[in-house]
Amino acid sequence: MGGIGGCIALIVVGAILTFASDWKMESVNLDAVGLIMMAAGLIGLGVYASVLRRRRAAALPVVDETRHGRI
């Protein structure tokens, strides 16, 4: 999963598993799985935001230095 949408989807699914479901499984703790998914989504959003900030900072403005007929 990549991008902001994937990270938000992880957070949403994790929150649903943790707070809105009452399923019981013998070998899997769904509350822990949901918390792990939410943490992974938050970390992903942080990483994506830092990469996006670096991309924006690296783009330099284009300066047109032509004289347009003047000498």
Protein backbone atom coordinates (compact mmCIF):
# COMPACT_ATOMS: atom_id res chain seq x y z
CA MET A 1 0.00 0.00 0.00
CA GLY A 2 1.34 3.35 -0.85
CA GLY A 3 0.39 6.92 -0.39
CA ILE A 4 -1.95 8.72 1.87
CA GLY A 5 -4.95 6.59 0.95
CA GLY A 6 -3.29 3.35 1.98
CA CYS A 7 -2.17 4.80 5.30
CA ILE A 8 -5.63 6.13 6.07
CA ALA A 9 -7.13 2.76 5.13
CA LEU A 10 -4.80 1.03 7.61
CA ILE A 11 -5.85 3.44 10.35
CA VAL A 12 -9.56 3.00 9.60
CA VAL A 13 -9.45 -0.80 9.43
CA GLY A 14 -7.35 -0.93 12.60
CA ALA A 15 -9.81 1.31 14.43
CA ILE A 16 -12.73 -0.84 13.30
CA LEU A 17 -10.99 -3.99 14.53
CA THR A 18 -10.08 -2.40 17.84
CA PHE A 19 -13.14 -0.39 18.76
CA ALA A 20 -16.11 -1.55 16.68
CA SER A 21 -15.80 -5.32 16.48
CA ASP A 22 -16.73 -7.90 19.06
CA TRP A 23 -15.34 -10.92 17.27
CA LYS A 24 -13.52 -13.45 19.39
CA MET A 25 -10.83 -15.71 17.97
CA GLU A 26 -8.85 -18.30 19.92
CA SER A 27 -5.39 -17.61 18.59
CA VAL A 28 -5.61 -13.95 17.50
CA ASN A 29 -6.14 -10.88 19.65
CA LEU A 30 -8.00 -8.55 17.28
CA ASP A 31 -7.52 -5.56 19.58
CA ALA A 32 -3.74 -5.93 19.31
CA VAL A 33 -3.94 -6.42 15.54
CA GLY A 34 -6.02 -3.26 15.24
CA LEU A 35 -3.60 -1.24 17.35
CA ILE A 36 -0.66 -2.48 15.27
CA MET A 37 -2.48 -1.52 12.06
CA MET A 38 -3.26 1.95 13.38
CA ALA A 39 0.36 2.44 14.45
CA ALA A 40 1.60 1.31 11.04
CA GLY A 41 -0.80 3.74 9.34
CA LEU A 42 0.39 6.63 11.50
CA ILE A 43 4.05 5.80 10.86
CA GLY A 44 3.31 5.55 7.14
CA LEU A 45 1.63 8.96 7.15
CA GLY A 46 4.64 10.46 8.93
CA VAL A 47 7.10 8.94 6.46
CA TYR A 48 4.99 9.96 3.48
CA ALA A 49 4.68 13.53 4.77
CA SER A 50 8.45 13.84 5.31
CA VAL A 51 9.21 12.50 1.82
CA LEU A 52 6.63 14.83 0.30
CA ARG A 53 8.14 17.80 2.17
CA ARG A 54 11.61 16.93 0.85
CA ARG A 55 10.32 16.67 -2.73
CA ARG A 56 8.72 20.10 -2.49
CA ALA A 57 11.86 21.66 -0.98
CA ALA A 58 14.09 20.14 -3.68
CA ALA A 59 12.15 21.70 -6.55
CA LEU A 60 13.88 24.91 -7.53
CA PRO A 61 12.02 27.69 -9.31
CA VAL A 62 12.77 28.22 -12.99
CA VAL A 63 14.17 31.66 -13.74
CA ASP A 64 13.90 32.97 -17.29
CA GLU A 65 16.93 35.15 -17.95
CA THR A 66 16.36 35.95 -21.61
CA ARG A 67 16.57 39.62 -22.55
CA HIS A 68 13.65 39.72 -25.00
CA GLY A 69 15.31 41.97 -27.59
CA ARG A 70 17.18 44.33 -25.27
CA ILE A 71 20.93 44.70 -25.51
